[in-house]
C-alpha atoms as a PDB file:
ATOM      1  CA  MET A   1     -53.664  22.722 -23.611  1.00  0.00           C
ATOM      2  CA  LEU A   2     -50.226  21.718 -22.321  1.00  0.00           C
ATOM      3  CA  TYR A   3     -47.564  19.847 -24.252  1.00  0.00           C
ATOM      4  CA  GLY A   4     -44.435  18.770 -22.401  1.00  0.00           C
ATOM      5  CA  LYS A   5     -41.220  17.349 -23.869  1.00  0.00           C
ATOM      6  CA  VAL A   6     -39.793  15.870 -20.648  1.00  0.00           C
ATOM      7  CA  GLU A   7     -37.646  12.800 -21.352  1.00  0.00           C
ATOM      8  CA  TYR A   8     -36.128  10.691 -18.572  1.00  0.00           C
ATOM      9  CA  GLU A   9     -32.844   9.067 -19.605  1.00  0.00           C
ATOM     10  CA  LEU A  10     -31.260   6.280 -17.540  1.00  0.00           C
ATOM     11  CA  ASP A  11     -27.495   6.592 -17.099  1.00  0.00           C
ATOM     12  CA  GLY A  12     -26.810   2.837 -17.027  1.00  0.00           C
ATOM     13  CA  THR A  13     -25.752   2.615 -13.363  1.00  0.00           C
ATOM     14  CA  GLY A  14     -29.163   1.653 -11.967  1.00  0.00           C
ATOM     15  CA  LEU A  15     -29.669  -1.860 -10.652  1.00  0.00           C
ATOM     16  CA  LEU A  16     -32.818  -2.407 -12.739  1.00  0.00           C
ATOM     17  CA  GLY A  17     -30.926  -2.262 -16.033  1.00  0.00           C
ATOM     18  CA  ALA A  18     -31.723  -0.503 -19.324  1.00  0.00           C
ATOM     19  CA  GLY A  19     -34.950   0.764 -20.835  1.00  0.00           C
ATOM     20  CA  ASP A  20     -35.663   4.513 -20.977  1.00  0.00           C
ATOM     21  CA  PRO A  21     -39.272   5.671 -20.610  1.00  0.00           C
ATOM     22  CA  GLY A  22     -38.812   8.529 -23.091  1.00  0.00           C
ATOM     23  CA  ASN A  23     -41.161  11.511 -22.921  1.00  0.00           C
ATOM     24  CA  VAL A  24     -43.215  11.143 -19.730  1.00  0.00           C
ATOM     25  CA  ILE A  25     -45.505  14.176 -20.091  1.00  0.00           C
ATOM     26  CA  GLY A  26     -47.031  14.577 -23.547  1.00  0.00           C
ATOM     27  CA  ARG A  27     -50.367  16.404 -23.908  1.00  0.00           C
ATOM     28  CA  LEU A  28     -52.762  17.467 -21.168  1.00  0.00           C
ATOM     29  CA  PRO A  29     -55.975  19.537 -21.500  1.00  0.00           C
ATOM     30  CA  GLY A  30     -57.363  21.978 -18.951  1.00  0.00           C
ATOM     31  CA  ALA A  31     -60.210  24.471 -18.496  1.00  0.00           C
ATOM     32  CA  SER A  32     -61.552  27.109 -16.105  1.00  0.00           C
ATOM     33  CA  LEU A  33     -64.674  29.221 -15.609  1.00  0.00           C
ATOM     34  CA  PHE A  34     -65.181  32.512 -13.723  1.00  0.00           C
ATOM     35  CA  TYR A  35     -68.258  34.608 -12.924  1.00  0.00           C
ATOM     36  CA  SER A  36     -68.537  37.950 -11.143  1.00  0.00           C
ATOM     37  CA  HIS A  37     -71.536  40.083 -10.176  1.00  0.00           C
ATOM     38  CA  SER A  38     -71.710  43.689  -8.971  1.00  0.00           C
ATOM     39  CA  LEU A  39     -74.125  44.150  -6.079  1.00  0.00           C
ATOM     40  CA  ASP A  40     -73.423  47.901  -6.199  1.00  0.00           C
ATOM     41  CA  GLU A  41     -70.576  50.269  -7.114  1.00  0.00           C
ATOM     42  CA  ARG A  42     -68.419  49.053  -4.216  1.00  0.00           C
ATOM     43  CA  LEU A  43     -69.285  45.408  -3.589  1.00  0.00           C
ATOM     44  CA  LYS A  44     -68.721  42.466  -5.932  1.00  0.00           C
ATOM     45  CA  LEU A  45     -69.293  38.731  -5.604  1.00  0.00           C
ATOM     46  CA  GLY A  46     -67.598  36.095  -7.705  1.00  0.00           C
ATOM     47  CA  VAL A  47     -66.831  32.422  -8.079  1.00  0.00           C
ATOM     48  CA  GLY A  48     -64.069  30.619  -9.932  1.00  0.00           C
ATOM     49  CA  VAL A  49     -63.755  26.968 -10.943  1.00  0.00           C
ATOM     50  CA  TYR A  50     -60.277  26.176 -12.187  1.00  0.00           C
ATOM     51  CA  GLY A  51     -57.443  23.674 -12.220  1.00  0.00           C
ATOM     52  CA  ASN A  52     -55.122  24.604  -9.373  1.00  0.00           C
ATOM     53  CA  PHE A  53     -52.377  22.362 -10.722  1.00  0.00           C
ATOM     54  CA  GLY A  54     -52.185  19.061 -12.490  1.00  0.00           C
ATOM     55  CA  LEU A  55     -49.837  16.722 -14.264  1.00  0.00           C
ATOM     56  CA  THR A  56     -49.904  13.210 -15.626  1.00  0.00           C
ATOM     57  CA  MET A  57     -46.741  11.195 -16.206  1.00  0.00           C
ATOM     58  CA  ASP A  58     -46.678   8.066 -18.364  1.00  0.00           C
ATOM     59  CA  PHE A  59     -43.420   6.116 -18.089  1.00  0.00           C
ATOM     60  CA  GLY A  60     -44.763   3.135 -20.050  1.00  0.00           C
ATOM     61  CA  ASN A  61     -44.806  -0.544 -19.131  1.00  0.00           C
ATOM     62  CA  ASN A  62     -41.564  -1.432 -20.916  1.00  0.00           C
ATOM     63  CA  TRP A  63     -39.068   0.760 -19.089  1.00  0.00           C
ATOM     64  CA  ALA A  64     -36.660  -0.515 -16.421  1.00  0.00           C
ATOM     65  CA  GLY A  65     -38.665   0.903 -13.505  1.00  0.00           C
ATOM     66  CA  ARG A  66     -42.094  -0.330 -14.591  1.00  0.00           C
ATOM     67  CA  ASN A  67     -42.499  -2.207 -11.283  1.00  0.00           C
ATOM     68  CA  LEU A  68     -42.033   1.113  -9.452  1.00  0.00           C
ATOM     69  CA  VAL A  69     -44.287   3.247 -11.630  1.00  0.00           C
ATOM     70  CA  ASP A  70     -45.989   2.884 -14.988  1.00  0.00           C
ATOM     71  CA  GLU A  71     -48.358   5.855 -14.948  1.00  0.00           C
ATOM     72  CA  THR A  72     -49.171   8.498 -12.353  1.00  0.00           C
ATOM     73  CA  ALA A  73     -51.525  11.462 -12.199  1.00  0.00           C
ATOM     74  CA  LEU A  74     -51.930  14.274  -9.697  1.00  0.00           C
ATOM     75  CA  MET A  75     -54.736  16.749 -10.326  1.00  0.00           C
ATOM     76  CA  ALA A  76     -56.239  19.499  -8.174  1.00  0.00           C
ATOM     77  CA  MET A  77     -59.412  21.440  -8.968  1.00  0.00           C
ATOM     78  CA  THR A  78     -60.447  24.506  -6.964  1.00  0.00           C
ATOM     79  CA  ILE A  79     -63.870  26.057  -6.405  1.00  0.00           C
ATOM     80  CA  GLN A  80     -63.385  29.581  -5.066  1.00  0.00           C
ATOM     81  CA  PRO A  81     -66.210  31.905  -3.978  1.00  0.00           C
ATOM     82  CA  THR A  82     -64.895  35.469  -3.571  1.00  0.00           C
ATOM     83  CA  LEU A  83     -65.979  38.781  -2.074  1.00  0.00           C
ATOM     84  CA  ALA A  84     -64.386  42.090  -3.140  1.00  0.00           C
ATOM     85  CA  TYR A  85     -65.006  45.562  -1.707  1.00  0.00           C
ATOM     86  CA  ARG A  86     -63.797  48.968  -2.907  1.00  0.00           C
ATOM     87  CA  ILE A  87     -63.066  51.109   0.158  1.00  0.00           C
ATOM     88  CA  ASP A  88     -62.490  54.337  -1.794  1.00  0.00           C
ATOM     89  CA  ASP A  89     -61.032  55.512  -5.097  1.00  0.00           C
ATOM     90  CA  GLN A  90     -57.610  54.080  -4.201  1.00  0.00           C
ATOM     91  CA  TRP A  91     -58.052  50.986  -2.012  1.00  0.00           C
ATOM     92  CA  SER A  92     -59.822  47.672  -2.650  1.00  0.00           C
ATOM     93  CA  LEU A  93     -59.906  44.438  -0.637  1.00  0.00           C
ATOM     94  CA  GLY A  94     -60.695  40.878  -1.662  1.00  0.00           C
ATOM     95  CA  ALA A  95     -61.082  37.520   0.092  1.00  0.00           C
ATOM     96  CA  GLY A  96     -61.864  34.039  -1.152  1.00  0.00           C
ATOM     97  CA  LEU A  97     -62.414  30.556   0.261  1.00  0.00           C
ATOM     98  CA  THR A  98     -60.815  27.739  -1.723  1.00  0.00           C
ATOM     99  CA  ALA A  99     -62.386  24.284  -1.774  1.00  0.00           C
ATOM    100  CA  ASN A 100     -59.685  22.095  -3.318  1.00  0.00           C
ATOM    101  CA  TYR A 101     -60.414  18.655  -4.737  1.00  0.00           C
ATOM    102  CA  GLY A 102     -57.344  16.492  -5.217  1.00  0.00           C
ATOM    103  CA  TYR A 103     -56.996  13.299  -7.235  1.00  0.00           C
ATOM    104  CA  PHE A 104     -53.983  10.977  -7.170  1.00  0.00           C
ATOM    105  CA  LYS A 105     -53.423   7.836  -9.237  1.00  0.00           C
ATOM    106  CA  LEU A 106     -50.502   5.420  -9.348  1.00  0.00           C
ATOM    107  CA  GLU A 107     -50.198   2.446 -11.708  1.00  0.00           C
ATOM    108  CA  ARG A 108     -47.344  -0.042 -12.055  1.00  0.00           C
ATOM    109  CA  VAL A 109     -46.627  -3.488 -13.456  1.00  0.00           C
ATOM    110  CA  ALA A 110     -46.962  -6.282 -10.901  1.00  0.00           C
ATOM    111  CA  LEU A 111     -43.822  -8.239 -10.071  1.00  0.00           C
ATOM    112  CA  ILE A 112     -45.710 -11.520 -10.353  1.00  0.00           C
ATOM    113  CA  GLY A 113     -47.957 -12.158 -13.343  1.00  0.00           C
ATOM    114  CA  GLY A 114     -47.200  -8.881 -15.126  1.00  0.00           C
ATOM    115  CA  GLY A 115     -50.646  -7.416 -14.527  1.00  0.00           C
ATOM    116  CA  THR A 116     -51.332  -3.782 -13.616  1.00  0.00           C
ATOM    117  CA  GLN A 117     -51.484  -2.689  -9.983  1.00  0.00           C
ATOM    118  CA  LYS A 118     -53.610   0.419  -9.438  1.00  0.00           C
ATOM    119  CA  GLU A 119     -53.678   2.778  -6.479  1.00  0.00           C
ATOM    120  CA  LYS A 120     -55.861   5.895  -6.430  1.00  0.00           C
ATOM    121  CA  ASP A 121     -57.480   8.219  -3.918  1.00  0.00           C
ATOM    122  CA  THR A 122     -59.199  11.597  -3.669  1.00  0.00           C
ATOM    123  CA  ASP A 123     -59.237  14.277  -0.988  1.00  0.00           C
ATOM    124  CA  TRP A 124     -60.971  17.593  -0.232  1.00  0.00           C
ATOM    125  CA  GLN A 125     -58.953  20.308   1.488  1.00  0.00           C
ATOM    126  CA  PHE A 126     -59.810  23.939   2.196  1.00  0.00           C
ATOM    127  CA  GLY A 127     -57.791  27.137   2.148  1.00  0.00           C
ATOM    128  CA  GLY A 128     -58.072  30.846   1.551  1.00  0.00           C
ATOM    129  CA  ARG A 129     -56.851  33.820  -0.473  1.00  0.00           C
ATOM    130  CA  LEU A 130     -56.562  37.449   0.624  1.00  0.00           C
ATOM    131  CA  GLY A 131     -55.798  40.400  -1.622  1.00  0.00           C
ATOM    132  CA  ILE A 132     -55.403  44.148  -1.517  1.00  0.00           C
ATOM    133  CA  MET A 133     -55.133  46.602  -4.425  1.00  0.00           C
ATOM    134  CA  TYR A 134     -53.902  50.200  -4.352  1.00  0.00           C
ATOM    135  CA  GLU A 135     -54.468  52.664  -7.227  1.00  0.00           C
ATOM    136  CA  PRO A 136     -52.453  55.838  -6.584  1.00  0.00           C
ATOM    137  CA  SER A 137     -53.614  57.344  -9.888  1.00  0.00           C
ATOM    138  CA  LYS A 138     -55.654  56.481 -12.935  1.00  0.00           C
ATOM    139  CA  GLY A 139     -53.726  53.968 -15.024  1.00  0.00           C
ATOM    140  CA  THR A 140     -51.468  52.794 -12.175  1.00  0.00           C
ATOM    141  CA  ARG A 141     -52.203  50.064  -9.647  1.00  0.00           C
ATOM    142  CA  PHE A 142     -50.399  47.709  -7.264  1.00  0.00           C
ATOM    143  CA  GLY A 143     -51.705  44.460  -5.796  1.00  0.00           C
ATOM    144  CA  VAL A 144     -50.700  41.878  -3.200  1.00  0.00           C
ATOM    145  CA  VAL A 145     -52.273  38.408  -2.933  1.00  0.00           C
ATOM    146  CA  TRP A 146     -51.616  35.780  -0.254  1.00  0.00           C
ATOM    147  CA  THR A 147     -52.665  32.151  -0.792  1.00  0.00           C
ATOM    148  CA  SER A 148     -52.706  29.637   2.067  1.00  0.00           C
ATOM    149  CA  LYS A 149     -50.996  26.254   1.897  1.00  0.00           C
ATOM    150  CA  VAL A 150     -52.976  23.128   1.035  1.00  0.00           C
ATOM    151  CA  GLU A 151     -51.824  19.693   2.167  1.00  0.00           C
ATOM    152  CA  TYR A 152     -53.605  16.748   0.572  1.00  0.00           C
ATOM    153  CA  ASP A 153     -53.819  13.408   2.343  1.00  0.00           C
ATOM    154  CA  PHE A 154     -53.897  10.535  -0.133  1.00  0.00           C
ATOM    155  CA  ASP A 155     -54.017   6.927   1.024  1.00  0.00           C
ATOM    156  CA  VAL A 156     -51.684   5.398  -1.574  1.00  0.00           C
ATOM    157  CA  ASN A 157     -49.274   2.524  -0.998  1.00  0.00           C
ATOM    158  CA  ALA A 158     -45.984   3.417  -2.713  1.00  0.00           C
ATOM    159  CA  THR A 159     -44.045   0.353  -1.547  1.00  0.00           C
ATOM    160  CA  VAL A 160     -42.944  -2.398  -3.911  1.00  0.00           C
ATOM    161  CA  THR A 161     -42.388  -5.635  -1.977  1.00  0.00           C
ATOM    162  CA  GLY A 162     -39.660  -8.021  -3.007  1.00  0.00           C
ATOM    163  CA  LEU A 163     -38.005  -5.973  -5.756  1.00  0.00           C
ATOM    164  CA  LEU A 164     -34.386  -7.244  -5.958  1.00  0.00           C
ATOM    165  CA  GLY A 165     -34.988  -9.098  -2.708  1.00  0.00           C
ATOM    166  CA  ARG A 166     -36.070  -6.119  -0.601  1.00  0.00           C
ATOM    167  CA  ASP A 167     -38.860  -3.568  -0.221  1.00  0.00           C
ATOM    168  CA  HIS A 168     -38.537  -0.245  -2.039  1.00  0.00           C
ATOM    169  CA  SER A 169     -40.541   2.935  -1.746  1.00  0.00           C
ATOM    170  CA  PHE A 170     -40.398   6.083  -3.814  1.00  0.00           C
ATOM    171  CA  PRO A 171     -41.430   9.619  -2.866  1.00  0.00           C
ATOM    172  CA  VAL A 172     -44.967  10.630  -3.657  1.00  0.00           C
ATOM    173  CA  GLY A 173     -45.700  12.614  -0.507  1.00  0.00           C
ATOM    174  CA  ALA A 174     -43.903  15.783  -1.567  1.00  0.00           C
ATOM    175  CA  SER A 175     -45.916  15.990  -4.765  1.00  0.00           C
ATOM    176  CA  VAL A 176     -49.246  16.421  -2.961  1.00  0.00           C
ATOM    177  CA  ASN A 177     -48.532  19.674  -1.139  1.00  0.00           C
ATOM    178  CA  ALA A 178     -49.230  23.197  -2.364  1.00  0.00           C
ATOM    179  CA  PRO A 179     -47.213  25.748  -0.336  1.00  0.00           C
ATOM    180  CA  GLN A 180     -48.408  29.125   0.868  1.00  0.00           C
ATOM    181  CA  GLN A 181     -47.426  31.901  -1.503  1.00  0.00           C
ATOM    182  CA  VAL A 182     -47.384  35.674  -1.891  1.00  0.00           C
ATOM    183  CA  MET A 183     -47.568  37.574  -5.186  1.00  0.00           C
ATOM    184  CA  VAL A 184     -46.952  41.317  -5.617  1.00  0.00           C
ATOM    185  CA  SER A 185     -48.045  42.789  -8.947  1.00  0.00           C
ATOM    186  CA  ALA A 186     -47.995  46.165 -10.698  1.00  0.00           C
ATOM    187  CA  TYR A 187     -49.610  47.765 -13.754  1.00  0.00           C
ATOM    188  CA  HIS A 188     -48.786  51.145 -15.270  1.00  0.00           C
ATOM    189  CA  LYS A 189     -50.274  52.722 -18.374  1.00  0.00           C
ATOM    190  CA  LEU A 190     -47.615  54.729 -20.244  1.00  0.00           C
ATOM    191  CA  ASP A 191     -49.914  56.313 -22.828  1.00  0.00           C
ATOM    192  CA  ASP A 192     -53.011  55.530 -24.898  1.00  0.00           C
ATOM    193  CA  ARG A 193     -51.310  52.516 -26.508  1.00  0.00           C
ATOM    194  CA  TRP A 194     -48.636  51.156 -24.157  1.00  0.00           C
ATOM    195  CA  ALA A 195     -48.764  49.677 -20.654  1.00  0.00           C
ATOM    196  CA  ILE A 196     -46.211  47.702 -18.628  1.00  0.00           C
ATOM    197  CA  THR A 197     -46.823  44.995 -16.043  1.00  0.00           C
ATOM    198  CA  GLY A 198     -44.728  43.048 -13.567  1.00  0.00           C
ATOM    199  CA  ASN A 199     -44.842  40.814 -10.526  1.00  0.00           C
ATOM    200  CA  LEU A 200     -42.700  39.229  -7.834  1.00  0.00           C
ATOM    201  CA  GLY A 201     -43.675  36.020  -6.052  1.00  0.00           C
ATOM    202  CA  TRP A 202     -42.579  33.706  -3.247  1.00  0.00           C
ATOM    203  CA  GLN A 203     -43.557  30.107  -2.424  1.00  0.00           C
ATOM    204  CA  ASP A 204     -42.798  28.412   0.904  1.00  0.00           C
ATOM    205  CA  TRP A 205     -41.450  25.100  -0.445  1.00  0.00           C
ATOM    206  CA  SER A 206     -38.761  24.787   2.254  1.00  0.00           C
ATOM    207  CA  ARG A 207     -41.477  23.951   4.765  1.00  0.00           C
ATOM    208  CA  PHE A 208     -41.874  20.542   3.131  1.00  0.00           C
ATOM    209  CA  SER A 209     -38.167  19.756   3.485  1.00  0.00           C
ATOM    210  CA  GLN A 210     -38.979  18.489   6.957  1.00  0.00           C
ATOM    211  CA  ASN A 211     -40.795  15.461   5.540  1.00  0.00           C
ATOM    212  CA  THR A 212     -39.056  12.116   5.994  1.00  0.00           C
ATOM    213  CA  ILE A 213     -39.265  10.197   2.741  1.00  0.00           C
ATOM    214  CA  GLU A 214     -37.902   6.843   1.597  1.00  0.00           C
ATOM    215  CA  THR A 215     -35.834   6.912  -1.564  1.00  0.00           C
ATOM    216  CA  ASN A 216     -35.818   4.460  -4.450  1.00  0.00           C
ATOM    217  CA  ALA A 217     -32.762   2.791  -2.941  1.00  0.00           C
ATOM    218  CA  GLY A 218     -34.812   1.762   0.091  1.00  0.00           C
ATOM    219  CA  THR A 219     -32.988   4.050   2.539  1.00  0.00           C
ATOM    220  CA  THR A 220     -34.516   6.948   4.484  1.00  0.00           C
ATOM    221  CA  THR A 221     -33.423  10.545   4.060  1.00  0.00           C
ATOM    222  CA  SER A 222     -33.801  13.273   6.675  1.00  0.00           C
ATOM    223  CA  SER A 223     -35.356  15.634   4.141  1.00  0.00           C
ATOM    224  CA  LEU A 224     -36.027  16.122   0.460  1.00  0.00           C
ATOM    225  CA  LYS A 225     -33.816  19.239   0.578  1.00  0.00           C
ATOM    226  CA  LEU A 226     -36.299  21.682  -0.876  1.00  0.00           C
ATOM    227  CA  GLN A 227     -35.909  25.449  -0.866  1.00  0.00           C
ATOM    228  CA  ASP A 228     -38.268  28.402  -1.216  1.00  0.00           C
ATOM    229  CA  THR A 229     -38.924  29.490  -4.773  1.00  0.00           C
ATOM    230  CA  TRP A 230     -38.981  33.014  -6.180  1.00  0.00           C
ATOM    231  CA  HIS A 231     -40.777  34.299  -9.239  1.00  0.00           C
ATOM    232  CA  ALA A 232     -40.226  37.464 -11.283  1.00  0.00           C
ATOM    233  CA  ALA A 233     -41.977  38.580 -14.460  1.00  0.00           C
ATOM    234  CA  PHE A 234     -42.165  41.593 -16.727  1.00  0.00           C
ATOM    235  CA  GLY A 235     -44.649  42.236 -19.510  1.00  0.00           C
ATOM    236  CA  ALA A 236     -46.015  44.832 -21.899  1.00  0.00           C
ATOM    237  CA  GLN A 237     -49.380  45.517 -23.515  1.00  0.00           C
ATOM    238  CA  TYR A 238     -49.888  47.304 -26.821  1.00  0.00           C
ATOM    239  CA  GLN A 239     -53.270  48.621 -27.959  1.00  0.00           C
ATOM    240  CA  TYR A 240     -52.968  48.013 -31.697  1.00  0.00           C
ATOM    241  CA  ASN A 241     -56.365  49.521 -32.503  1.00  0.00           C
ATOM    242  CA  ALA A 242     -59.797  49.939 -30.924  1.00  0.00           C
ATOM    243  CA  THR A 243     -60.499  46.192 -30.969  1.00  0.00           C
ATOM    244  CA  THR A 244     -57.085  44.500 -30.685  1.00  0.00           C
ATOM    245  CA  LYS A 245     -54.603  44.385 -27.799  1.00  0.00           C
ATOM    246  CA  ILE A 246     -51.272  42.512 -27.936  1.00  0.00           C
ATOM    247  CA  ASN A 247     -49.559  41.128 -24.813  1.00  0.00           C
ATOM    248  CA  ALA A 248     -46.017  39.806 -24.332  1.00  0.00           C
ATOM    249  CA  GLY A 249     -43.880  38.927 -21.342  1.00  0.00           C
ATOM    250  CA  ILE A 250     -40.991  37.027 -19.808  1.00  0.00           C
ATOM    251  CA  ALA A 251     -40.763  35.303 -16.416  1.00  0.00           C
ATOM    252  CA  TYR A 252     -38.214  33.410 -14.304  1.00  0.00           C
ATOM    253  CA  ASP A 253     -38.732  30.880 -11.483  1.00  0.00           C
ATOM    254  CA  ASN A 254     -35.961  29.182  -9.540  1.00  0.00           C
ATOM    255  CA  SER A 255     -36.106  25.456  -8.707  1.00  0.00           C
ATOM    256  CA  PHE A 256     -37.467  24.128  -5.426  1.00  0.00           C
ATOM    257  CA  TYR A 257     -34.519  21.693  -5.304  1.00  0.00           C
ATOM    258  CA  LYS A 258     -31.396  22.813  -3.471  1.00  0.00           C
ATOM    259  CA  ASP A 259     -29.283  20.505  -5.631  1.00  0.00           C
ATOM    260  CA  GLN A 260     -30.322  19.608  -9.194  1.00  0.00           C
ATOM    261  CA  ASP A 261     -28.139  16.485  -9.018  1.00  0.00           C
ATOM    262  CA  ARG A 262     -30.021  15.113  -5.997  1.00  0.00           C
ATOM    263  CA  THR A 263     -33.669  15.068  -7.056  1.00  0.00           C
ATOM    264  CA  VAL A 264     -36.328  12.397  -7.621  1.00  0.00           C
ATOM    265  CA  PHE A 265     -37.555  11.272 -11.036  1.00  0.00           C
ATOM    266  CA  MET A 266     -41.196  11.518  -9.927  1.00  0.00           C
ATOM    267  CA  LEU A 267     -40.793  15.291  -9.457  1.00  0.00           C
ATOM    268  CA  PRO A 268     -39.004  16.853 -12.441  1.00  0.00           C
ATOM    269  CA  SER A 269     -38.274  20.484 -11.630  1.00  0.00           C
ATOM    270  CA  GLY A 270     -35.662  23.098 -12.421  1.00  0.00           C
ATOM    271  CA  ALA A 271     -35.143  26.824 -12.777  1.00  0.00           C
ATOM    272  CA  THR A 272     -37.468  27.907 -15.595  1.00  0.00           C
ATOM    273  CA  TRP A 273     -37.595  30.752 -18.100  1.00  0.00           C
ATOM    274  CA  ARG A 274     -41.028  31.475 -19.588  1.00  0.00           C
ATOM    275  CA  PHE A 275     -41.749  33.447 -22.750  1.00  0.00           C
ATOM    276  CA  GLY A 276     -45.330  34.278 -23.641  1.00  0.00           C
ATOM    277  CA  THR A 277     -47.405  36.315 -26.041  1.00  0.00           C
ATOM    278  CA  GLY A 278     -51.078  36.698 -26.795  1.00  0.00           C
ATOM    279  CA  VAL A 279     -53.784  38.785 -28.394  1.00  0.00           C
ATOM    280  CA  GLN A 280     -57.176  40.009 -27.128  1.00  0.00           C
ATOM    281  CA  TYR A 281     -59.873  40.897 -29.645  1.00  0.00           C
ATOM    282  CA  VAL A 282     -63.098  42.765 -28.862  1.00  0.00           C
ATOM    283  CA  LEU A 283     -65.960  41.043 -30.682  1.00  0.00           C
ATOM    284  CA  SER A 284     -68.656  43.433 -29.438  1.00  0.00           C
ATOM    285  CA  PRO A 285     -69.148  45.960 -26.617  1.00  0.00           C
ATOM    286  CA  LYS A 286     -69.963  43.013 -24.345  1.00  0.00           C
ATOM    287  CA  SER A 287     -67.757  40.155 -25.558  1.00  0.00           C
ATOM    288  CA  GLU A 288     -64.052  39.441 -26.051  1.00  0.00           C
ATOM    289  CA  LEU A 289     -61.933  36.592 -27.440  1.00  0.00           C
ATOM    290  CA  GLY A 290     -58.297  35.896 -26.627  1.00  0.00           C
ATOM    291  CA  LEU A 291     -55.487  33.555 -27.656  1.00  0.00           C
ATOM    292  CA  ALA A 292     -52.150  33.049 -25.878  1.00  0.00           C
ATOM    293  CA  VAL A 293     -49.090  30.804 -26.168  1.00  0.00           C
ATOM    294  CA  GLU A 294     -46.228  30.288 -23.725  1.00  0.00           C
ATOM    295  CA  TYR A 295     -42.918  28.450 -23.968  1.00  0.00           C
ATOM    296  CA  ALA A 296     -41.252  27.273 -20.742  1.00  0.00           C
ATOM    297  CA  ASP A 297     -37.607  26.151 -20.803  1.00  0.00           C
ATOM    298  CA  ALA A 298     -36.385  24.432 -17.616  1.00  0.00           C
ATOM    299  CA  ASP A 299     -33.035  23.268 -16.243  1.00  0.00           C
ATOM    300  CA  GLY A 300     -32.472  19.531 -16.191  1.00  0.00           C
ATOM    301  CA  ASN A 301     -32.312  17.490 -12.995  1.00  0.00           C
ATOM    302  CA  SER A 302     -30.777  14.158 -11.990  1.00  0.00           C
ATOM    303  CA  ASP A 303     -31.961  11.330  -9.737  1.00  0.00           C
ATOM    304  CA  PRO A 304     -29.047   9.384  -8.138  1.00  0.00           C
ATOM    305  CA  SER A 305     -31.305   6.412  -7.282  1.00  0.00           C
ATOM    306  CA  ARG A 306     -29.537   3.051  -7.096  1.00  0.00           C
ATOM    307  CA  LEU A 307     -32.455   1.495  -8.975  1.00  0.00           C
ATOM    308  CA  VAL A 308     -33.215   3.847 -11.878  1.00  0.00           C
ATOM    309  CA  SER A 309     -30.454   6.446 -11.816  1.00  0.00           C
ATOM    310  CA  GLY A 310     -30.914   8.972 -14.607  1.00  0.00           C
ATOM    311  CA  LYS A 311     -31.708  12.538 -15.587  1.00  0.00           C
ATOM    312  CA  TYR A 312     -34.101  14.903 -17.339  1.00  0.00           C
ATOM    313  CA  ASP A 313     -32.081  16.778 -19.959  1.00  0.00           C
ATOM    314  CA  GLN A 314     -33.366  20.038 -21.478  1.00  0.00           C
ATOM    315  CA  PRO A 315     -37.087  19.632 -20.685  1.00  0.00           C
ATOM    316  CA  TYR A 316     -39.558  22.173 -22.026  1.00  0.00           C
ATOM    317  CA  MET A 317     -43.299  22.795 -22.082  1.00  0.00           C
ATOM    318  CA  ILE A 318     -45.663  24.669 -24.389  1.00  0.00           C
ATOM    319  CA  PHE A 319     -48.972  26.098 -23.188  1.00  0.00           C
ATOM    320  CA  LEU A 320     -51.785  27.160 -25.521  1.00  0.00           C
ATOM    321  CA  SER A 321     -54.918  28.857 -24.202  1.00  0.00           C
ATOM    322  CA  VAL A 322     -58.099  30.357 -25.608  1.00  0.00           C
ATOM    323  CA  HIS A 323     -60.433  32.505 -23.527  1.00  0.00           C
ATOM    324  CA  TYR A 324     -63.821  34.075 -24.080  1.00  0.00           C
ATOM    325  CA  SER A 325     -65.595  36.637 -21.877  1.00  0.00           C
ATOM    326  CA  GLN A 326     -69.179  37.844 -21.962  1.00  0.00           C
ATOM    327  CA  ARG A 327     -70.775  40.711 -20.034  1.00  0.00           C
ATOM    328  CA  PHE A 328     -74.505  40.739 -19.268  1.00  0.00           C
END
């Protein structure tokens, strides 16, 4: 479960006047399911069904920009069959095919009559993941995973005709791309109770800066001015007793915007610190239950749009997850 406190505040200079939407995120549920099967000591098959990413934003039908957007949703679900093979005691390889189902919805208040205009579309796109793991010694391992980019193609009309005497479009195209990424991870067991973990990641967001997108002011920009993002995290595990393990960690991601004062209100993003902790409890030799919570604190960002100029100030999100595993 996700809860986001992400409030958009108009600065009073927009042509559409006053009327803040308030918190545009709120609560959002999610779920995933994974299964793996050992064909022998070296070869494993698996499949995962999970939410790749997803977010709904509800601006409400009383805010100043209700004719631009009232409610929007972008969800992506992935089905991933995977094959993993252990070459020897130190090296393992893995590969997966991702079948990605995307859903996009856009609702807004009609200029004439005040009814609701709805636009929605779905799209299937395919990609892949490749991984390699190296275990130099028992209790120490390193992994690298590459994930291909996925570009969804949604047929959604984002143009409002006749608003303030002219046509206006707002950027939705940049929100339907998932860039290629690389993640390097490490695990090291210090003793019978303590272990440390860490990872470094990169996402190729700058590739999508080449898109030409119309802004809310009705003019065309040469790019959205996105940059590659980098991720770093460090964590620790503590084996409290034979049945209970405690996890904690901290992570940092930079923003995909080059300038936090030149962003778009449809894509709130900023450099983010994440703080998480969780507990894993062994119910039986073949089952386990876990609970985790994470707090994400992000930098604010501003949209200089002539229509709905404003900013997101001190946004944050809270993630709560419960997992259960069963071995057969």
